[in-house]
């Protein structure tokens, strides 16, 4: 998590919800909410959340690809392109 992340108690969230929404929407910086001195949740704007989800999805795809390479489940690029050329000529 970024060092610039704001940290507020849960009572602040309850008492300042509209202000928090406005501030987070403008700054796109997450807000860490604590309860009894412990971190409990993170509030972030929807655009940041969607970008994070896309990043996670891409990382999962890359991890799957790396696993397949380690297992020898791949073909040389030259072979793939040759097959594509052959298909395109038909």
PDB file of N, CA and C in Angstrom:
ATOM      1  N   UNK A   1       0.840  -1.182   0.000  1.00  0.00           N
ATOM      2  CA  UNK A   1       0.000   0.000   0.000  1.00  0.00           C
ATOM      3  C   UNK A   1       0.882   1.241   0.000  1.00  0.00           C
ATOM      4  N   UNK A   2       0.449   2.272  -0.662  1.00  0.00           N
ATOM      5  CA  UNK A   2       1.221   3.508  -0.760  1.00  0.00           C
ATOM      6  C   UNK A   2       1.389   4.144   0.620  1.00  0.00           C
ATOM      7  N   UNK A   3       2.507   4.791   0.808  1.00  0.00           N
ATOM      8  CA  UNK A   3       2.754   5.477   2.075  1.00  0.00           C
ATOM      9  C   UNK A   3       1.846   6.690   2.238  1.00  0.00           C
ATOM     10  N   UNK A   4       1.320   7.225   1.125  1.00  0.00           N
ATOM     11  CA  UNK A   4       0.474   8.407   1.198  1.00  0.00           C
ATOM     12  C   UNK A   4      -0.980   8.067   1.534  1.00  0.00           C
ATOM     13  N   UNK A   5      -1.276   6.791   1.738  1.00  0.00           N
ATOM     14  CA  UNK A   5      -2.632   6.372   2.068  1.00  0.00           C
ATOM     15  C   UNK A   5      -3.059   7.011   3.386  1.00  0.00           C
ATOM     16  N   UNK A   6      -4.243   7.580   3.363  1.00  0.00           N
ATOM     17  CA  UNK A   6      -4.788   8.155   4.590  1.00  0.00           C
ATOM     18  C   UNK A   6      -5.300   7.027   5.491  1.00  0.00           C
ATOM     19  N   UNK A   7      -5.200   7.238   6.789  1.00  0.00           N
ATOM     20  CA  UNK A   7      -5.688   6.271   7.765  1.00  0.00           C
ATOM     21  C   UNK A   7      -6.652   6.996   8.687  1.00  0.00           C
ATOM     22  N   UNK A   8      -7.859   6.459   8.795  1.00  0.00           N
ATOM     23  CA  UNK A   8      -8.888   7.076   9.635  1.00  0.00           C
ATOM     24  C   UNK A   8      -9.635   5.989  10.404  1.00  0.00           C
ATOM     25  N   UNK A   9     -10.171   6.332  11.577  1.00  0.00           N
ATOM     26  CA  UNK A   9     -10.977   5.371  12.327  1.00  0.00           C
ATOM     27  C   UNK A   9     -12.357   5.203  11.684  1.00  0.00           C
ATOM     28  N   UNK A  10     -13.022   4.130  12.020  1.00  0.00           N
ATOM     29  CA  UNK A  10     -14.322   3.840  11.436  1.00  0.00           C
ATOM     30  C   UNK A  10     -15.343   4.931  11.755  1.00  0.00           C
ATOM     31  N   UNK A  11     -15.201   5.596  12.872  1.00  0.00           N
ATOM     32  CA  UNK A  11     -16.129   6.678  13.220  1.00  0.00           C
ATOM     33  C   UNK A  11     -16.030   7.821  12.212  1.00  0.00           C
ATOM     34  N   UNK A  12     -14.838   8.045  11.663  1.00  0.00           N
ATOM     35  CA  UNK A  12     -14.653   9.082  10.649  1.00  0.00           C
ATOM     36  C   UNK A  12     -15.421   8.718   9.381  1.00  0.00           C
ATOM     37  N   UNK A  13     -15.374   7.459   9.016  1.00  0.00           N
ATOM     38  CA  UNK A  13     -16.125   6.991   7.844  1.00  0.00           C
ATOM     39  C   UNK A  13     -17.619   7.236   8.044  1.00  0.00           C
ATOM     40  N   UNK A  14     -18.114   6.910   9.182  1.00  0.00           N
ATOM     41  CA  UNK A  14     -19.535   7.082   9.490  1.00  0.00           C
ATOM     42  C   UNK A  14     -19.938   8.562   9.462  1.00  0.00           C
ATOM     43  N   UNK A  15     -19.097   9.414  10.012  1.00  0.00           N
ATOM     44  CA  UNK A  15     -19.450  10.829  10.155  1.00  0.00           C
ATOM     45  C   UNK A  15     -19.143  11.680   8.921  1.00  0.00           C
ATOM     46  N   UNK A  16     -18.300  11.190   8.010  1.00  0.00           N
ATOM     47  CA  UNK A  16     -17.864  12.002   6.878  1.00  0.00           C
ATOM     48  C   UNK A  16     -17.990  11.282   5.534  1.00  0.00           C
ATOM     49  N   UNK A  17     -18.964  10.435   5.372  1.00  0.00           N
ATOM     50  CA  UNK A  17     -19.086   9.601   4.168  1.00  0.00           C
ATOM     51  C   UNK A  17     -19.094  10.426   2.883  1.00  0.00           C
ATOM     52  N   UNK A  18     -19.904  11.455   2.796  1.00  0.00           N
ATOM     53  CA  UNK A  18     -19.999  12.253   1.571  1.00  0.00           C
ATOM     54  C   UNK A  18     -18.666  12.930   1.250  1.00  0.00           C
ATOM     55  N   UNK A  19     -18.011  13.452   2.256  1.00  0.00           N
ATOM     56  CA  UNK A  19     -16.707  14.106   2.074  1.00  0.00           C
ATOM     57  C   UNK A  19     -15.653  13.097   1.610  1.00  0.00           C
ATOM     58  N   UNK A  20     -15.679  11.909   2.191  1.00  0.00           N
ATOM     59  CA  UNK A  20     -14.738  10.852   1.814  1.00  0.00           C
ATOM     60  C   UNK A  20     -14.926  10.467   0.355  1.00  0.00           C
ATOM     61  N   UNK A  21     -16.176  10.306  -0.055  1.00  0.00           N
ATOM     62  CA  UNK A  21     -16.463   9.949  -1.443  1.00  0.00           C
ATOM     63  C   UNK A  21     -15.909  11.011  -2.392  1.00  0.00           C
ATOM     64  N   UNK A  22     -16.160  12.268  -2.071  1.00  0.00           N
ATOM     65  CA  UNK A  22     -15.670  13.358  -2.918  1.00  0.00           C
ATOM     66  C   UNK A  22     -14.144  13.366  -2.974  1.00  0.00           C
ATOM     67  N   UNK A  23     -13.508  13.278  -1.819  1.00  0.00           N
ATOM     68  CA  UNK A  23     -12.046  13.346  -1.761  1.00  0.00           C
ATOM     69  C   UNK A  23     -11.377  12.177  -2.487  1.00  0.00           C
ATOM     70  N   UNK A  24     -11.888  10.982  -2.270  1.00  0.00           N
ATOM     71  CA  UNK A  24     -11.296   9.805  -2.906  1.00  0.00           C
ATOM     72  C   UNK A  24     -11.533   9.833  -4.408  1.00  0.00           C
ATOM     73  N   UNK A  25     -12.694  10.288  -4.833  1.00  0.00           N
ATOM     74  CA  UNK A  25     -12.994  10.381  -6.260  1.00  0.00           C
ATOM     75  C   UNK A  25     -12.049  11.351  -6.952  1.00  0.00           C
ATOM     76  N   UNK A  26     -11.718  12.436  -6.275  1.00  0.00           N
ATOM     77  CA  UNK A  26     -10.823  13.442  -6.854  1.00  0.00           C
ATOM     78  C   UNK A  26      -9.356  13.013  -6.805  1.00  0.00           C
ATOM     79  N   UNK A  27      -8.927  12.508  -5.669  1.00  0.00           N
ATOM     80  CA  UNK A  27      -7.498  12.189  -5.481  1.00  0.00           C
ATOM     81  C   UNK A  27      -7.117  10.800  -5.970  1.00  0.00           C
ATOM     82  N   UNK A  28      -8.080   9.900  -6.022  1.00  0.00           N
ATOM     83  CA  UNK A  28      -7.866   8.491  -6.382  1.00  0.00           C
ATOM     84  C   UNK A  28      -6.892   7.811  -5.416  1.00  0.00           C
ATOM     85  N   UNK A  29      -6.751   8.358  -4.214  1.00  0.00           N
ATOM     86  CA  UNK A  29      -5.933   7.752  -3.177  1.00  0.00           C
ATOM     87  C   UNK A  29      -6.851   6.967  -2.238  1.00  0.00           C
ATOM     88  N   UNK A  30      -6.492   5.739  -1.904  1.00  0.00           N
ATOM     89  CA  UNK A  30      -7.345   4.941  -1.018  1.00  0.00           C
ATOM     90  C   UNK A  30      -7.333   5.456   0.412  1.00  0.00           C
ATOM     91  N   UNK A  31      -8.332   5.054   1.158  1.00  0.00           N
ATOM     92  CA  UNK A  31      -8.452   5.420   2.568  1.00  0.00           C
ATOM     93  C   UNK A  31      -8.493   4.133   3.376  1.00  0.00           C
ATOM     94  N   UNK A  32      -7.587   3.991   4.319  1.00  0.00           N
ATOM     95  CA  UNK A  32      -7.536   2.830   5.195  1.00  0.00           C
ATOM     96  C   UNK A  32      -8.376   3.120   6.428  1.00  0.00           C
ATOM     97  N   UNK A  33      -9.328   2.243   6.717  1.00  0.00           N
ATOM     98  CA  UNK A  33     -10.215   2.411   7.873  1.00  0.00           C
ATOM     99  C   UNK A  33      -9.777   1.442   8.966  1.00  0.00           C
ATOM    100  N   UNK A  34      -9.662   1.984  10.176  1.00  0.00           N
ATOM    101  CA  UNK A  34      -9.285   1.160  11.321  1.00  0.00           C
ATOM    102  C   UNK A  34     -10.455   0.999  12.273  1.00  0.00           C
ATOM    103  N   UNK A  35     -10.422  -0.085  13.018  1.00  0.00           N
ATOM    104  CA  UNK A  35     -11.397  -0.325  14.083  1.00  0.00           C
ATOM    105  C   UNK A  35     -10.616  -0.859  15.275  1.00  0.00           C
ATOM    106  N   UNK A  36     -10.757  -0.191  16.392  1.00  0.00           N
ATOM    107  CA  UNK A  36     -10.003  -0.538  17.595  1.00  0.00           C
ATOM    108  C   UNK A  36      -8.497  -0.582  17.317  1.00  0.00           C
ATOM    109  N   UNK A  37      -8.033   0.358  16.491  1.00  0.00           N
ATOM    110  CA  UNK A  37      -6.615   0.481  16.207  1.00  0.00           C
ATOM    111  C   UNK A  37      -6.074  -0.507  15.182  1.00  0.00           C
ATOM    112  N   UNK A  38      -6.913  -1.380  14.644  1.00  0.00           N
ATOM    113  CA  UNK A  38      -6.479  -2.356  13.648  1.00  0.00           C
ATOM    114  C   UNK A  38      -7.042  -2.015  12.280  1.00  0.00           C
ATOM    115  N   UNK A  39      -6.239  -2.201  11.237  1.00  0.00           N
ATOM    116  CA  UNK A  39      -6.709  -1.987   9.868  1.00  0.00           C
ATOM    117  C   UNK A  39      -7.812  -2.996   9.568  1.00  0.00           C
ATOM    118  N   UNK A  40      -8.946  -2.501   9.048  1.00  0.00           N
ATOM    119  CA  UNK A  40     -10.091  -3.377   8.774  1.00  0.00           C
ATOM    120  C   UNK A  40     -10.532  -3.362   7.316  1.00  0.00           C
ATOM    121  N   UNK A  41     -10.430  -2.210   6.642  1.00  0.00           N
ATOM    122  CA  UNK A  41     -10.841  -2.164   5.247  1.00  0.00           C
ATOM    123  C   UNK A  41     -10.197  -0.996   4.537  1.00  0.00           C
ATOM    124  N   UNK A  42     -10.259  -1.065   3.207  1.00  0.00           N
ATOM    125  CA  UNK A  42      -9.738   0.000   2.364  1.00  0.00           C
ATOM    126  C   UNK A  42     -10.876   0.505   1.502  1.00  0.00           C
ATOM    127  N   UNK A  43     -11.031   1.820   1.430  1.00  0.00           N
ATOM    128  CA  UNK A  43     -12.044   2.444   0.588  1.00  0.00           C
ATOM    129  C   UNK A  43     -11.305   3.076  -0.593  1.00  0.00           C
ATOM    130  N   UNK A  44     -11.768   2.744  -1.813  1.00  0.00           N
ATOM    131  CA  UNK A  44     -11.127   3.293  -3.005  1.00  0.00           C
ATOM    132  C   UNK A  44     -12.191   3.647  -4.034  1.00  0.00           C
ATOM    133  N   UNK A  45     -11.808   4.507  -4.979  1.00  0.00           N
ATOM    134  CA  UNK A  45     -12.748   4.889  -6.029  1.00  0.00           C
ATOM    135  C   UNK A  45     -12.914   3.739  -7.008  1.00  0.00           C
ATOM    136  N   UNK A  46     -14.032   3.727  -7.724  1.00  0.00           N
ATOM    137  CA  UNK A  46     -14.378   2.622  -8.607  1.00  0.00           C
ATOM    138  C   UNK A  46     -13.387   2.480  -9.759  1.00  0.00           C
ATOM    139  N   UNK A  47     -12.905   3.588 -10.298  1.00  0.00           N
ATOM    140  CA  UNK A  47     -11.955   3.514 -11.414  1.00  0.00           C
ATOM    141  C   UNK A  47     -10.672   2.818 -10.977  1.00  0.00           C
ATOM    142  N   UNK A  48     -10.165   3.166  -9.813  1.00  0.00           N
ATOM    143  CA  UNK A  48      -8.963   2.513  -9.288  1.00  0.00           C
ATOM    144  C   UNK A  48      -9.217   1.031  -9.041  1.00  0.00           C
ATOM    145  N   UNK A  49     -10.386   0.713  -8.518  1.00  0.00           N
ATOM    146  CA  UNK A  49     -10.740  -0.680  -8.266  1.00  0.00           C
ATOM    147  C   UNK A  49     -10.774  -1.472  -9.570  1.00  0.00           C
ATOM    148  N   UNK A  50     -11.424  -0.925 -10.599  1.00  0.00           N
ATOM    149  CA  UNK A  50     -11.513  -1.616 -11.888  1.00  0.00           C
ATOM    150  C   UNK A  50     -10.128  -1.804 -12.509  1.00  0.00           C
ATOM    151  N   UNK A  51      -9.278  -0.791 -12.412  1.00  0.00           N
ATOM    152  CA  UNK A  51      -7.916  -0.904 -12.932  1.00  0.00           C
ATOM    153  C   UNK A  51      -7.142  -1.985 -12.182  1.00  0.00           C
ATOM    154  N   UNK A  52      -7.334  -2.049 -10.891  1.00  0.00           N
ATOM    155  CA  UNK A  52      -6.668  -3.065 -10.084  1.00  0.00           C
ATOM    156  C   UNK A  52      -7.151  -4.456 -10.468  1.00  0.00           C
ATOM    157  N   UNK A  53      -8.431  -4.610 -10.688  1.00  0.00           N
ATOM    158  CA  UNK A  53      -8.980  -5.900 -11.101  1.00  0.00           C
ATOM    159  C   UNK A  53      -8.432  -6.318 -12.467  1.00  0.00           C
ATOM    160  N   UNK A  54      -8.298  -5.379 -13.391  1.00  0.00           N
ATOM    161  CA  UNK A  54      -7.725  -5.686 -14.700  1.00  0.00           C
ATOM    162  C   UNK A  54      -6.263  -6.112 -14.566  1.00  0.00           C
ATOM    163  N   UNK A  55      -5.538  -5.435 -13.708  1.00  0.00           N
ATOM    164  CA  UNK A  55      -4.142  -5.781 -13.471  1.00  0.00           C
ATOM    165  C   UNK A  55      -4.023  -7.184 -12.904  1.00  0.00           C
ATOM    166  N   UNK A  56      -4.863  -7.514 -11.941  1.00  0.00           N
ATOM    167  CA  UNK A  56      -4.848  -8.853 -11.339  1.00  0.00           C
ATOM    168  C   UNK A  56      -5.173  -9.908 -12.387  1.00  0.00           C
ATOM    169  N   UNK A  57      -6.161  -9.628 -13.238  1.00  0.00           N
ATOM    170  CA  UNK A  57      -6.535 -10.577 -14.291  1.00  0.00           C
ATOM    171  C   UNK A  57      -5.357 -10.815 -15.239  1.00  0.00           C
ATOM    172  N   UNK A  58      -4.661  -9.750 -15.633  1.00  0.00           N
ATOM    173  CA  UNK A  58      -3.497  -9.891 -16.506  1.00  0.00           C
ATOM    174  C   UNK A  58      -2.377 -10.679 -15.830  1.00  0.00           C
ATOM    175  N   UNK A  59      -2.165 -10.434 -14.561  1.00  0.00           N
ATOM    176  CA  UNK A  59      -1.131 -11.172 -13.830  1.00  0.00           C
ATOM    177  C   UNK A  59      -1.469 -12.658 -13.755  1.00  0.00           C
ATOM    178  N   UNK A  60      -2.747 -12.985 -13.602  1.00  0.00           N
ATOM    179  CA  UNK A  60      -3.163 -14.392 -13.583  1.00  0.00           C
ATOM    180  C   UNK A  60      -2.899 -15.051 -14.930  1.00  0.00           C
ATOM    181  N   UNK A  61      -3.201 -14.333 -16.011  1.00  0.00           N
ATOM    182  CA  UNK A  61      -2.946 -14.863 -17.356  1.00  0.00           C
ATOM    183  C   UNK A  61      -1.450 -15.103 -17.548  1.00  0.00           C
ATOM    184  N   UNK A  62      -0.634 -14.141 -17.129  1.00  0.00           N
ATOM    185  CA  UNK A  62       0.820 -14.298 -17.245  1.00  0.00           C
ATOM    186  C   UNK A  62       1.319 -15.485 -16.420  1.00  0.00           C
ATOM    187  N   UNK A  63       0.777 -15.651 -15.221  1.00  0.00           N
ATOM    188  CA  UNK A  63       1.181 -16.770 -14.365  1.00  0.00           C
ATOM    189  C   UNK A  63       0.820 -18.103 -15.019  1.00  0.00           C
ATOM    190  N   UNK A  64      -0.369 -18.164 -15.626  1.00  0.00           N
ATOM    191  CA  UNK A  64      -0.771 -19.390 -16.334  1.00  0.00           C
ATOM    192  C   UNK A  64       0.164 -19.659 -17.505  1.00  0.00           C
ATOM    193  N   UNK A  65       0.505 -18.619 -18.246  1.00  0.00           N
ATOM    194  CA  UNK A  65       1.423 -18.768 -19.370  1.00  0.00           C
ATOM    195  C   UNK A  65       2.797 -19.251 -18.926  1.00  0.00           C
ATOM    196  N   UNK A  66       3.300 -18.687 -17.845  1.00  0.00           N
ATOM    197  CA  UNK A  66       4.605 -19.116 -17.326  1.00  0.00           C
ATOM    198  C   UNK A  66       4.569 -20.574 -16.880  1.00  0.00           C
ATOM    199  N   UNK A  67       3.469 -20.972 -16.268  1.00  0.00           N
ATOM    200  CA  UNK A  67       3.325 -22.359 -15.818  1.00  0.00           C
ATOM    201  C   UNK A  67       3.322 -23.304 -17.016  1.00  0.00           C
ATOM    202  N   UNK A  68       2.617 -22.929 -18.091  1.00  0.00           N
ATOM    203  CA  UNK A  68       2.587 -23.755 -19.290  1.00  0.00           C
ATOM    204  C   UNK A  68       3.968 -23.849 -19.934  1.00  0.00           C
ATOM    205  N   UNK A  69       4.705 -22.751 -19.933  1.00  0.00           N
ATOM    206  CA  UNK A  69       6.068 -22.772 -20.477  1.00  0.00           C
ATOM    207  C   UNK A  69       6.936 -23.726 -19.657  1.00  0.00           C
ATOM    208  N   UNK A  70       6.838 -23.651 -18.345  1.00  0.00           N
ATOM    209  CA  UNK A  70       7.609 -24.541 -17.475  1.00  0.00           C
ATOM    210  C   UNK A  70       7.263 -26.007 -17.726  1.00  0.00           C
ATOM    211  N   UNK A  71       6.010 -26.264 -18.097  1.00  0.00           N
ATOM    212  CA  UNK A  71       5.562 -27.635 -18.363  1.00  0.00           C
ATOM    213  C   UNK A  71       5.831 -28.064 -19.806  1.00  0.00           C
ATOM    214  N   UNK A  72       6.430 -27.169 -20.591  1.00  0.00           N
ATOM    215  CA  UNK A  72       6.755 -27.489 -21.972  1.00  0.00           C
ATOM    216  C   UNK A  72       5.565 -27.411 -22.915  1.00  0.00           C
ATOM    217  N   UNK A  73       4.516 -26.768 -22.494  1.00  0.00           N
ATOM    218  CA  UNK A  73       3.298 -26.645 -23.310  1.00  0.00           C
ATOM    219  C   UNK A  73       3.348 -25.339 -24.116  1.00  0.00           C
ATOM    220  N   UNK A  74       4.213 -25.331 -25.123  1.00  0.00           N
ATOM    221  CA  UNK A  74       4.311 -24.142 -25.978  1.00  0.00           C
ATOM    222  C   UNK A  74       4.853 -24.561 -27.339  1.00  0.00           C
ATOM    223  N   UNK A  75       4.719 -23.645 -28.296  1.00  0.00           N
ATOM    224  CA  UNK A  75       5.261 -23.861 -29.638  1.00  0.00           C
ATOM    225  C   UNK A  75       6.122 -22.658 -29.993  1.00  0.00           C
ATOM    226  N   UNK A  76       7.097 -22.905 -30.836  1.00  0.00           N
ATOM    227  CA  UNK A  76       7.948 -21.812 -31.306  1.00  0.00           C
ATOM    228  C   UNK A  76       7.115 -20.819 -32.103  1.00  0.00           C
ATOM    229  N   UNK A  77       7.465 -19.556 -31.994  1.00  0.00           N
ATOM    230  CA  UNK A  77       6.744 -18.501 -32.714  1.00  0.00           C
ATOM    231  C   UNK A  77       6.822 -18.719 -34.220  1.00  0.00           C
ATOM    232  N   UNK A  78       7.971 -19.152 -34.701  1.00  0.00           N
ATOM    233  CA  UNK A  78       8.125 -19.388 -36.138  1.00  0.00           C
ATOM    234  C   UNK A  78       7.125 -20.430 -36.636  1.00  0.00           C
ATOM    235  N   UNK A  79       6.924 -21.460 -35.859  1.00  0.00           N
ATOM    236  CA  UNK A  79       5.971 -22.513 -36.215  1.00  0.00           C
ATOM    237  C   UNK A  79       4.547 -21.964 -36.267  1.00  0.00           C
ATOM    238  N   UNK A  80       4.199 -21.155 -35.293  1.00  0.00           N
ATOM    239  CA  UNK A  80       2.854 -20.570 -35.242  1.00  0.00           C
ATOM    240  C   UNK A  80       2.626 -19.649 -36.430  1.00  0.00           C
ATOM    241  N   UNK A  81       3.604 -18.772 -36.715  1.00  0.00           N
ATOM    242  CA  UNK A  81       3.455 -17.843 -37.836  1.00  0.00           C
ATOM    243  C   UNK A  81       3.409 -18.577 -39.176  1.00  0.00           C
ATOM    244  N   UNK A  82       4.191 -19.639 -39.307  1.00  0.00           N
ATOM    245  CA  UNK A  82       4.159 -20.434 -40.536  1.00  0.00           C
ATOM    246  C   UNK A  82       2.776 -21.053 -40.736  1.00  0.00           C
ATOM    247  N   UNK A  83       2.199 -21.545 -39.654  1.00  0.00           N
ATOM    248  CA  UNK A  83       0.850 -22.113 -39.727  1.00  0.00           C
ATOM    249  C   UNK A  83      -0.187 -21.044 -40.089  1.00  0.00           C
ATOM    250  N   UNK A  84      -0.042 -19.850 -39.518  1.00  0.00           N
ATOM    251  CA  UNK A  84      -0.961 -18.752 -39.851  1.00  0.00           C
ATOM    252  C   UNK A  84      -0.830 -18.361 -41.323  1.00  0.00           C
ATOM    253  N   UNK A  85       0.399 -18.287 -41.826  1.00  0.00           N
ATOM    254  CA  UNK A  85       0.612 -17.964 -43.230  1.00  0.00           C
ATOM    255  C   UNK A  85      -0.036 -19.013 -44.128  1.00  0.00           C
ATOM    256  N   UNK A  86       0.120 -20.264 -43.766  1.00  0.00           N
ATOM    257  CA  UNK A  86      -0.449 -21.362 -44.546  1.00  0.00           C
ATOM    258  C   UNK A  86      -1.982 -21.252 -44.566  1.00  0.00           C
ATOM    259  N   UNK A  87      -2.568 -20.952 -43.407  1.00  0.00           N
ATOM    260  CA  UNK A  87      -4.030 -20.800 -43.318  1.00  0.00           C
ATOM    261  C   UNK A  87      -4.499 -19.607 -44.120  1.00  0.00           C
ATOM    262  N   UNK A  88      -3.761 -18.514 -44.109  1.00  0.00           N
ATOM    263  CA  UNK A  88      -4.144 -17.308 -44.830  1.00  0.00           C
ATOM    264  C   UNK A  88      -4.091 -17.506 -46.333  1.00  0.00           C
ATOM    265  N   UNK A  89      -3.217 -18.372 -46.800  1.00  0.00           N
ATOM    266  CA  UNK A  89      -3.066 -18.627 -48.248  1.00  0.00           C
ATOM    267  C   UNK A  89      -4.181 -19.517 -48.798  1.00  0.00           C
ATOM    268  N   UNK A  90      -4.889 -20.181 -47.951  1.00  0.00           N
ATOM    269  CA  UNK A  90      -5.945 -21.095 -48.405  1.00  0.00           C
ATOM    270  C   UNK A  90      -7.203 -20.372 -48.788  1.00  0.00           C
TER     271      UNK A  90
END
